[in-house]
Amino acid sequence: MGDLKKYSDQTFEDIKHITEDGIEFWYARELQTVLEYTQWRNFESVINKAKMSCINSENDVGDHFADVSKIVEAGISIKDIGDIKLSRYACYLIVQNGDPRKEVIALGQTYFAVKTRQQELIEDYDRLSEEQKRLAIRNEMINHNKSLAEAAQIAGVN
């Protein structure tokens, strides 16, 4: 597991950006660095595979992969380079299509899968009526209390 020790969920949180509307996004060039791709052209081929997966899943590529310009200093001049604003789903597709030999790819797969599922649960919860929300919280508390009781029993606490 060598390099995984230097990576954590915070690795991906550190490069996450949030719009004024509260929408999360990542820049492809920052993700490229985190995922240990040294050359843009190699990472771009992973992005293209991810875009194909997006299309094959009948999602609009433009909703998840937005081309943007970025100004960088190149010696004594300023250069305009292309970048891509990525949704969480786009990042998930990228790590799914990344080099499986890289340990950080495995971490990225887990991170984006878990975060995507958490967001789905939040959206599902927001669609519930107040009565359904109350029951859902009540059931969650019942399950939580059962887990606590089991843990206490195993630990020998009465």
N, C-alpha and C. Protein backbone atom coordinates (compact mmCIF):
# COMPACT_ATOMS: atom_id res chain seq x y z
N MET A 1 0.81 -1.20 0.00
CA MET A 1 0.00 0.00 0.00
C MET A 1 0.86 1.26 0.00
N GLY A 2 2.11 1.19 0.00
CA GLY A 2 3.08 2.26 -0.01
C GLY A 2 2.57 3.69 -0.09
N ASP A 3 2.30 4.17 -1.31
CA ASP A 3 1.96 5.57 -1.53
C ASP A 3 0.60 5.96 -0.99
N LEU A 4 -0.29 5.01 -0.74
CA LEU A 4 -1.62 5.36 -0.25
C LEU A 4 -1.55 6.09 1.08
N LYS A 5 -0.49 5.87 1.84
CA LYS A 5 -0.36 6.53 3.12
C LYS A 5 -0.29 8.05 2.95
N LYS A 6 0.22 8.52 1.83
CA LYS A 6 0.32 9.96 1.62
C LYS A 6 -0.96 10.53 1.00
N TYR A 7 -1.89 9.67 0.64
CA TYR A 7 -3.15 10.11 0.06
C TYR A 7 -4.30 9.84 1.03
N SER A 8 -5.33 10.64 0.92
CA SER A 8 -6.53 10.43 1.70
C SER A 8 -7.68 11.11 0.95
N ASP A 9 -8.87 11.06 1.54
CA ASP A 9 -10.00 11.77 0.95
C ASP A 9 -9.67 13.25 0.80
N GLN A 10 -8.85 13.77 1.72
CA GLN A 10 -8.48 15.18 1.70
C GLN A 10 -7.72 15.54 0.42
N THR A 11 -7.04 14.56 -0.17
CA THR A 11 -6.32 14.77 -1.42
C THR A 11 -7.26 15.33 -2.49
N PHE A 12 -8.46 14.77 -2.56
CA PHE A 12 -9.44 15.20 -3.56
C PHE A 12 -10.24 16.41 -3.09
N GLU A 13 -10.44 16.51 -1.78
CA GLU A 13 -11.12 17.67 -1.21
C GLU A 13 -10.29 18.93 -1.42
N ASP A 14 -8.97 18.80 -1.33
CA ASP A 14 -8.09 19.96 -1.46
C ASP A 14 -8.14 20.60 -2.84
N ILE A 15 -8.47 19.83 -3.86
CA ILE A 15 -8.53 20.40 -5.21
C ILE A 15 -9.96 20.67 -5.67
N LYS A 16 -10.91 20.42 -4.80
CA LYS A 16 -12.33 20.68 -5.14
C LYS A 16 -12.59 22.18 -5.10
N HIS A 17 -13.38 22.64 -6.04
CA HIS A 17 -13.80 24.04 -6.09
C HIS A 17 -15.32 24.07 -5.96
N ILE A 18 -15.85 25.21 -5.53
CA ILE A 18 -17.29 25.35 -5.39
C ILE A 18 -17.70 26.67 -6.03
N THR A 19 -18.72 26.62 -6.89
CA THR A 19 -19.21 27.83 -7.54
C THR A 19 -19.99 28.68 -6.54
N GLU A 20 -20.34 29.88 -6.95
CA GLU A 20 -21.15 30.76 -6.10
C GLU A 20 -22.50 30.12 -5.78
N ASP A 21 -22.96 29.23 -6.66
CA ASP A 21 -24.24 28.54 -6.46
C ASP A 21 -24.10 27.28 -5.61
N GLY A 22 -22.89 27.01 -5.13
CA GLY A 22 -22.67 25.85 -4.28
C GLY A 22 -22.45 24.55 -5.03
N ILE A 23 -22.15 24.63 -6.33
CA ILE A 23 -21.92 23.44 -7.15
C ILE A 23 -20.43 23.06 -7.07
N GLU A 24 -20.16 21.79 -6.75
CA GLU A 24 -18.78 21.31 -6.68
C GLU A 24 -18.24 21.04 -8.09
N PHE A 25 -16.95 21.30 -8.27
CA PHE A 25 -16.28 20.93 -9.51
C PHE A 25 -14.79 20.80 -9.26
N TRP A 26 -14.12 20.15 -10.18
CA TRP A 26 -12.67 19.96 -10.13
C TRP A 26 -12.12 20.38 -11.49
N TYR A 27 -10.86 20.84 -11.51
CA TYR A 27 -10.18 21.14 -12.77
C TYR A 27 -9.38 19.92 -13.18
N ALA A 28 -9.45 19.58 -14.46
CA ALA A 28 -8.77 18.39 -14.98
C ALA A 28 -7.26 18.47 -14.76
N ARG A 29 -6.66 19.64 -14.95
CA ARG A 29 -5.20 19.74 -14.81
C ARG A 29 -4.76 19.53 -13.35
N GLU A 30 -5.58 19.92 -12.41
CA GLU A 30 -5.27 19.65 -11.00
C GLU A 30 -5.47 18.17 -10.69
N LEU A 31 -6.52 17.58 -11.24
CA LEU A 31 -6.77 16.15 -11.04
C LEU A 31 -5.66 15.33 -11.68
N GLN A 32 -5.18 15.78 -12.83
CA GLN A 32 -4.07 15.11 -13.52
C GLN A 32 -2.87 14.97 -12.60
N THR A 33 -2.52 16.04 -11.92
CA THR A 33 -1.37 16.02 -11.01
C THR A 33 -1.59 15.06 -9.85
N VAL A 34 -2.76 15.13 -9.24
CA VAL A 34 -3.08 14.26 -8.11
C VAL A 34 -3.03 12.79 -8.52
N LEU A 35 -3.52 12.51 -9.73
CA LEU A 35 -3.56 11.12 -10.21
C LEU A 35 -2.24 10.67 -10.82
N GLU A 36 -1.22 11.50 -10.68
CA GLU A 36 0.15 11.17 -11.07
C GLU A 36 0.34 10.93 -12.57
N TYR A 37 -0.39 11.71 -13.37
CA TYR A 37 -0.16 11.70 -14.82
C TYR A 37 0.76 12.88 -15.11
N THR A 38 1.93 12.61 -15.63
CA THR A 38 2.91 13.68 -15.86
C THR A 38 2.68 14.41 -17.17
N GLN A 39 2.06 13.75 -18.13
CA GLN A 39 1.83 14.38 -19.44
C GLN A 39 0.34 14.52 -19.72
N TRP A 40 -0.04 15.73 -20.14
CA TRP A 40 -1.44 16.03 -20.43
C TRP A 40 -2.00 15.09 -21.48
N ARG A 41 -1.23 14.79 -22.52
CA ARG A 41 -1.75 13.95 -23.61
C ARG A 41 -2.15 12.55 -23.10
N ASN A 42 -1.41 12.02 -22.14
CA ASN A 42 -1.77 10.71 -21.56
C ASN A 42 -3.04 10.82 -20.73
N PHE A 43 -3.15 11.90 -19.98
CA PHE A 43 -4.35 12.09 -19.16
C PHE A 43 -5.55 12.40 -20.04
N GLU A 44 -5.31 13.11 -21.13
CA GLU A 44 -6.40 13.46 -22.05
C GLU A 44 -7.01 12.20 -22.66
N SER A 45 -6.23 11.17 -22.89
CA SER A 45 -6.79 9.92 -23.42
C SER A 45 -7.71 9.26 -22.38
N VAL A 46 -7.38 9.40 -21.09
CA VAL A 46 -8.26 8.89 -20.03
C VAL A 46 -9.56 9.70 -20.00
N ILE A 47 -9.43 11.01 -20.15
CA ILE A 47 -10.61 11.88 -20.17
C ILE A 47 -11.51 11.50 -21.35
N ASN A 48 -10.92 11.23 -22.51
CA ASN A 48 -11.72 10.86 -23.68
C ASN A 48 -12.47 9.54 -23.46
N LYS A 49 -11.83 8.58 -22.79
CA LYS A 49 -12.53 7.33 -22.44
C LYS A 49 -13.68 7.61 -21.48
N ALA A 50 -13.45 8.50 -20.53
CA ALA A 50 -14.49 8.86 -19.57
C ALA A 50 -15.66 9.55 -20.28
N LYS A 51 -15.35 10.41 -21.25
CA LYS A 51 -16.41 11.06 -22.02
C LYS A 51 -17.23 10.03 -22.79
N MET A 52 -16.55 9.02 -23.34
CA MET A 52 -17.25 7.96 -24.07
C MET A 52 -18.18 7.20 -23.12
N SER A 53 -17.71 6.93 -21.92
CA SER A 53 -18.55 6.27 -20.91
C SER A 53 -19.76 7.13 -20.59
N CYS A 54 -19.56 8.43 -20.50
CA CYS A 54 -20.64 9.36 -20.22
C CYS A 54 -21.69 9.31 -21.32
N ILE A 55 -21.23 9.33 -22.57
CA ILE A 55 -22.13 9.25 -23.72
C ILE A 55 -22.88 7.93 -23.72
N ASN A 56 -22.16 6.83 -23.50
CA ASN A 56 -22.78 5.50 -23.50
C ASN A 56 -23.78 5.31 -22.36
N SER A 57 -23.65 6.13 -21.32
CA SER A 57 -24.60 6.10 -20.20
C SER A 57 -25.77 7.05 -20.43
N GLU A 58 -25.80 7.62 -21.63
CA GLU A 58 -26.85 8.54 -22.07
C GLU A 58 -26.92 9.80 -21.21
N ASN A 59 -25.73 10.28 -20.80
CA ASN A 59 -25.62 11.55 -20.10
C ASN A 59 -25.02 12.58 -21.05
N ASP A 60 -25.36 13.83 -20.82
CA ASP A 60 -24.84 14.91 -21.66
C ASP A 60 -23.41 15.24 -21.23
N VAL A 61 -22.46 15.04 -22.13
CA VAL A 61 -21.05 15.30 -21.84
C VAL A 61 -20.85 16.74 -21.38
N GLY A 62 -21.55 17.68 -22.00
CA GLY A 62 -21.41 19.09 -21.65
C GLY A 62 -21.81 19.41 -20.23
N ASP A 63 -22.65 18.59 -19.64
CA ASP A 63 -23.06 18.80 -18.24
C ASP A 63 -21.97 18.40 -17.26
N HIS A 64 -21.02 17.59 -17.70
CA HIS A 64 -20.01 17.04 -16.79
C HIS A 64 -18.57 17.39 -17.16
N PHE A 65 -18.33 17.74 -18.42
CA PHE A 65 -17.00 18.10 -18.92
C PHE A 65 -17.11 19.44 -19.64
N ALA A 66 -16.77 20.53 -18.98
CA ALA A 66 -16.90 21.86 -19.58
C ALA A 66 -15.51 22.41 -19.90
N ASP A 67 -15.24 22.64 -21.18
CA ASP A 67 -13.95 23.21 -21.59
C ASP A 67 -13.83 24.65 -21.09
N VAL A 68 -12.69 24.97 -20.50
CA VAL A 68 -12.41 26.33 -20.03
C VAL A 68 -10.99 26.70 -20.41
N SER A 69 -10.70 27.98 -20.38
CA SER A 69 -9.34 28.47 -20.64
C SER A 69 -8.69 28.80 -19.31
N LYS A 70 -7.40 28.63 -19.27
CA LYS A 70 -6.64 28.95 -18.07
C LYS A 70 -5.39 29.69 -18.51
N ILE A 71 -5.10 30.79 -17.84
CA ILE A 71 -3.92 31.58 -18.15
C ILE A 71 -2.78 31.15 -17.22
N VAL A 72 -1.64 30.82 -17.81
CA VAL A 72 -0.46 30.43 -17.02
C VAL A 72 0.75 31.22 -17.50
N GLU A 73 1.69 31.38 -16.59
CA GLU A 73 2.94 32.03 -16.95
C GLU A 73 3.88 31.00 -17.55
N ALA A 74 4.45 31.34 -18.71
CA ALA A 74 5.40 30.44 -19.39
C ALA A 74 6.67 31.24 -19.65
N GLY A 75 7.55 31.21 -18.68
CA GLY A 75 8.77 32.01 -18.80
C GLY A 75 8.45 33.48 -18.65
N ILE A 76 8.75 34.25 -19.70
CA ILE A 76 8.47 35.69 -19.63
C ILE A 76 7.13 36.05 -20.25
N SER A 77 6.43 35.06 -20.80
CA SER A 77 5.15 35.34 -21.43
C SER A 77 4.00 34.68 -20.67
N ILE A 78 2.82 35.05 -21.07
CA ILE A 78 1.61 34.45 -20.51
C ILE A 78 0.96 33.62 -21.61
N LYS A 79 0.54 32.42 -21.24
CA LYS A 79 0.02 31.48 -22.23
C LYS A 79 -1.38 31.03 -21.81
N ASP A 80 -2.25 30.89 -22.78
CA ASP A 80 -3.61 30.39 -22.56
C ASP A 80 -3.62 28.89 -22.84
N ILE A 81 -3.89 28.10 -21.80
CA ILE A 81 -3.96 26.65 -22.00
C ILE A 81 -5.38 26.17 -21.71
N GLY A 82 -5.74 25.11 -22.35
CA GLY A 82 -7.07 24.56 -22.13
C GLY A 82 -7.13 23.76 -20.84
N ASP A 83 -8.28 23.76 -20.23
CA ASP A 83 -8.55 22.95 -19.05
C ASP A 83 -10.00 22.50 -19.14
N ILE A 84 -10.41 21.68 -18.23
CA ILE A 84 -11.78 21.17 -18.24
C ILE A 84 -12.32 21.23 -16.82
N LYS A 85 -13.50 21.84 -16.67
CA LYS A 85 -14.21 21.81 -15.39
C LYS A 85 -14.97 20.49 -15.34
N LEU A 86 -14.74 19.75 -14.27
CA LEU A 86 -15.30 18.41 -14.16
C LEU A 86 -16.31 18.32 -13.03
N SER A 87 -17.43 17.66 -13.30
CA SER A 87 -18.37 17.36 -12.23
C SER A 87 -17.85 16.18 -11.43
N ARG A 88 -18.50 15.89 -10.32
CA ARG A 88 -18.10 14.72 -9.53
C ARG A 88 -18.25 13.46 -10.37
N TYR A 89 -19.31 13.40 -11.16
CA TYR A 89 -19.54 12.24 -12.02
C TYR A 89 -18.42 12.09 -13.05
N ALA A 90 -17.97 13.21 -13.62
CA ALA A 90 -16.87 13.17 -14.59
C ALA A 90 -15.60 12.64 -13.93
N CYS A 91 -15.32 13.11 -12.72
CA CYS A 91 -14.14 12.63 -11.98
C CYS A 91 -14.25 11.13 -11.72
N TYR A 92 -15.43 10.70 -11.35
CA TYR A 92 -15.67 9.27 -11.11
C TYR A 92 -15.37 8.46 -12.37
N LEU A 93 -15.86 8.94 -13.51
CA LEU A 93 -15.60 8.23 -14.77
C LEU A 93 -14.12 8.24 -15.12
N ILE A 94 -13.44 9.33 -14.83
CA ILE A 94 -12.00 9.43 -15.11
C ILE A 94 -11.24 8.40 -14.28
N VAL A 95 -11.50 8.34 -12.98
CA VAL A 95 -10.75 7.39 -12.15
C VAL A 95 -11.13 5.94 -12.51
N GLN A 96 -12.34 5.73 -12.98
CA GLN A 96 -12.73 4.38 -13.41
C GLN A 96 -11.94 3.97 -14.66
N ASN A 97 -11.55 4.96 -15.47
CA ASN A 97 -10.81 4.68 -16.70
C ASN A 97 -9.31 4.92 -16.56
N GLY A 98 -8.86 5.24 -15.35
CA GLY A 98 -7.45 5.52 -15.09
C GLY A 98 -6.60 4.26 -15.04
N ASP A 99 -5.32 4.48 -14.91
CA ASP A 99 -4.33 3.40 -14.86
C ASP A 99 -4.49 2.61 -13.55
N PRO A 100 -4.97 1.36 -13.63
CA PRO A 100 -5.25 0.58 -12.41
C PRO A 100 -3.99 0.21 -11.61
N ARG A 101 -2.82 0.42 -12.20
CA ARG A 101 -1.58 0.12 -11.47
C ARG A 101 -1.24 1.20 -10.45
N LYS A 102 -1.89 2.35 -10.55
CA LYS A 102 -1.62 3.46 -9.64
C LYS A 102 -2.52 3.34 -8.41
N GLU A 103 -1.87 3.31 -7.25
CA GLU A 103 -2.65 3.16 -6.01
C GLU A 103 -3.60 4.33 -5.79
N VAL A 104 -3.20 5.54 -6.21
CA VAL A 104 -4.06 6.70 -6.03
C VAL A 104 -5.34 6.57 -6.86
N ILE A 105 -5.31 5.82 -7.94
CA ILE A 105 -6.52 5.58 -8.74
C ILE A 105 -7.53 4.80 -7.90
N ALA A 106 -7.07 3.78 -7.19
CA ALA A 106 -7.97 2.99 -6.33
C ALA A 106 -8.61 3.89 -5.27
N LEU A 107 -7.82 4.77 -4.67
CA LEU A 107 -8.36 5.69 -3.68
C LEU A 107 -9.38 6.62 -4.33
N GLY A 108 -9.06 7.13 -5.51
CA GLY A 108 -9.98 8.01 -6.23
C GLY A 108 -11.29 7.31 -6.58
N GLN A 109 -11.20 6.05 -6.98
CA GLN A 109 -12.41 5.29 -7.29
C GLN A 109 -13.31 5.20 -6.08
N THR A 110 -12.72 4.91 -4.94
CA THR A 110 -13.49 4.80 -3.70
C THR A 110 -14.06 6.15 -3.30
N TYR A 111 -13.22 7.18 -3.32
CA TYR A 111 -13.65 8.53 -2.92
C TYR A 111 -14.85 8.99 -3.74
N PHE A 112 -14.72 8.94 -5.07
CA PHE A 112 -15.80 9.48 -5.90
C PHE A 112 -17.05 8.59 -5.88
N ALA A 113 -16.89 7.29 -5.72
CA ALA A 113 -18.05 6.40 -5.60
C ALA A 113 -18.82 6.70 -4.31
N VAL A 114 -18.10 6.82 -3.20
CA VAL A 114 -18.74 7.09 -1.91
C VAL A 114 -19.40 8.47 -1.92
N LYS A 115 -18.70 9.48 -2.40
CA LYS A 115 -19.25 10.84 -2.41
C LYS A 115 -20.47 10.93 -3.33
N THR A 116 -20.44 10.22 -4.44
CA THR A 116 -21.58 10.22 -5.35
C THR A 116 -22.78 9.59 -4.67
N ARG A 117 -22.56 8.47 -3.98
CA ARG A 117 -23.65 7.80 -3.27
C ARG A 117 -24.20 8.68 -2.15
N GLN A 118 -23.33 9.36 -1.42
CA GLN A 118 -23.79 10.26 -0.37
C GLN A 118 -24.69 11.35 -0.93
N GLN A 119 -24.30 11.91 -2.07
CA GLN A 119 -25.11 12.95 -2.69
C GLN A 119 -26.46 12.41 -3.14
N GLU A 120 -26.47 11.19 -3.68
CA GLU A 120 -27.74 10.57 -4.08
C GLU A 120 -28.67 10.41 -2.89
N LEU A 121 -28.11 9.98 -1.75
CA LEU A 121 -28.92 9.80 -0.54
C LEU A 121 -29.49 11.13 -0.05
N ILE A 122 -28.67 12.18 -0.12
CA ILE A 122 -29.15 13.51 0.28
C ILE A 122 -30.29 13.95 -0.62
N GLU A 123 -30.13 13.75 -1.93
CA GLU A 123 -31.17 14.14 -2.87
C GLU A 123 -32.44 13.32 -2.65
N ASP A 124 -32.28 12.01 -2.38
CA ASP A 124 -33.44 11.17 -2.08
C ASP A 124 -34.16 11.66 -0.83
N TYR A 125 -33.40 11.99 0.21
CA TYR A 125 -33.96 12.47 1.46
C TYR A 125 -34.72 13.78 1.24
N ASP A 126 -34.17 14.67 0.42
CA ASP A 126 -34.82 15.96 0.16
C ASP A 126 -36.17 15.81 -0.53
N ARG A 127 -36.39 14.69 -1.20
CA ARG A 127 -37.66 14.46 -1.91
C ARG A 127 -38.75 13.90 -0.99
N LEU A 128 -38.37 13.51 0.21
CA LEU A 128 -39.34 12.92 1.13
C LEU A 128 -40.25 13.99 1.73
N SER A 129 -41.48 13.56 2.08
CA SER A 129 -42.38 14.45 2.80
C SER A 129 -41.86 14.59 4.23
N GLU A 130 -42.39 15.54 4.97
CA GLU A 130 -41.96 15.73 6.36
C GLU A 130 -42.22 14.47 7.19
N GLU A 131 -43.33 13.81 6.96
CA GLU A 131 -43.65 12.57 7.69
C GLU A 131 -42.65 11.46 7.35
N GLN A 132 -42.30 11.34 6.06
CA GLN A 132 -41.32 10.34 5.64
C GLN A 132 -39.94 10.63 6.21
N LYS A 133 -39.58 11.91 6.27
CA LYS A 133 -38.29 12.30 6.86
C LYS A 133 -38.26 11.93 8.34
N ARG A 134 -39.34 12.19 9.05
CA ARG A 134 -39.42 11.88 10.47
C ARG A 134 -39.25 10.38 10.70
N LEU A 135 -39.94 9.58 9.87
CA LEU A 135 -39.83 8.12 9.99
C LEU A 135 -38.43 7.62 9.63
N ALA A 136 -37.84 8.22 8.62
CA ALA A 136 -36.49 7.82 8.21
C ALA A 136 -35.48 8.10 9.32
N ILE A 137 -35.60 9.27 9.94
CA ILE A 137 -34.70 9.62 11.05
C ILE A 137 -34.93 8.68 12.23
N ARG A 138 -36.19 8.40 12.51
CA ARG A 138 -36.52 7.50 13.62
C ARG A 138 -35.92 6.11 13.40
N ASN A 139 -36.06 5.58 12.18
CA ASN A 139 -35.49 4.26 11.87
C ASN A 139 -33.97 4.28 11.94
N GLU A 140 -33.37 5.37 11.50
CA GLU A 140 -31.91 5.49 11.57
C GLU A 140 -31.45 5.50 13.02
N MET A 141 -32.18 6.19 13.87
CA MET A 141 -31.84 6.24 15.30
C MET A 141 -32.01 4.86 15.95
N ILE A 142 -33.05 4.13 15.56
CA ILE A 142 -33.26 2.78 16.09
C ILE A 142 -32.07 1.89 15.72
N ASN A 143 -31.67 1.92 14.46
CA ASN A 143 -30.54 1.12 14.00
C ASN A 143 -29.24 1.54 14.69
N HIS A 144 -29.07 2.84 14.85
CA HIS A 144 -27.87 3.36 15.52
C HIS A 144 -27.83 2.88 16.97
N ASN A 145 -28.96 2.97 17.67
CA ASN A 145 -29.02 2.55 19.07
C ASN A 145 -28.77 1.04 19.21
N LYS A 146 -29.26 0.24 18.26
CA LYS A 146 -29.00 -1.20 18.28
C LYS A 146 -27.50 -1.46 18.14
N SER A 147 -26.86 -0.73 17.24
CA SER A 147 -25.42 -0.89 17.04
C SER A 147 -24.65 -0.51 18.29
N LEU A 148 -25.07 0.57 18.94
CA LEU A 148 -24.42 0.99 20.18
C LEU A 148 -24.59 -0.06 21.27
N ALA A 149 -25.80 -0.61 21.39
CA ALA A 149 -26.07 -1.63 22.41
C ALA A 149 -25.21 -2.87 22.17
N GLU A 150 -25.11 -3.29 20.91
CA GLU A 150 -24.29 -4.45 20.56
C GLU A 150 -22.81 -4.20 20.88
N ALA A 151 -22.34 -3.01 20.55
CA ALA A 151 -20.94 -2.66 20.83
C ALA A 151 -20.69 -2.64 22.33
N ALA A 152 -21.64 -2.10 23.09
CA ALA A 152 -21.51 -2.05 24.54
C ALA A 152 -21.49 -3.46 25.14
N GLN A 153 -22.34 -4.31 24.61
CA GLN A 153 -22.40 -5.69 25.10
C GLN A 153 -21.08 -6.41 24.82
N ILE A 154 -20.57 -6.24 23.61
CA ILE A 154 -19.30 -6.88 23.24
C ILE A 154 -18.16 -6.36 24.13
N ALA A 155 -18.22 -5.07 24.45
CA ALA A 155 -17.18 -4.45 25.28
C ALA A 155 -17.36 -4.79 26.76
N GLY A 156 -18.50 -5.43 27.11
CA GLY A 156 -18.75 -5.80 28.50
C GLY A 156 -19.33 -4.70 29.33
N VAL A 157 -19.90 -3.67 28.67
CA VAL A 157 -20.55 -2.55 29.38
C VAL A 157 -22.03 -2.86 29.47
N ASN A 158 -22.57 -2.75 30.67
CA ASN A 158 -24.01 -3.04 30.85
C ASN A 158 -24.81 -1.79 30.98
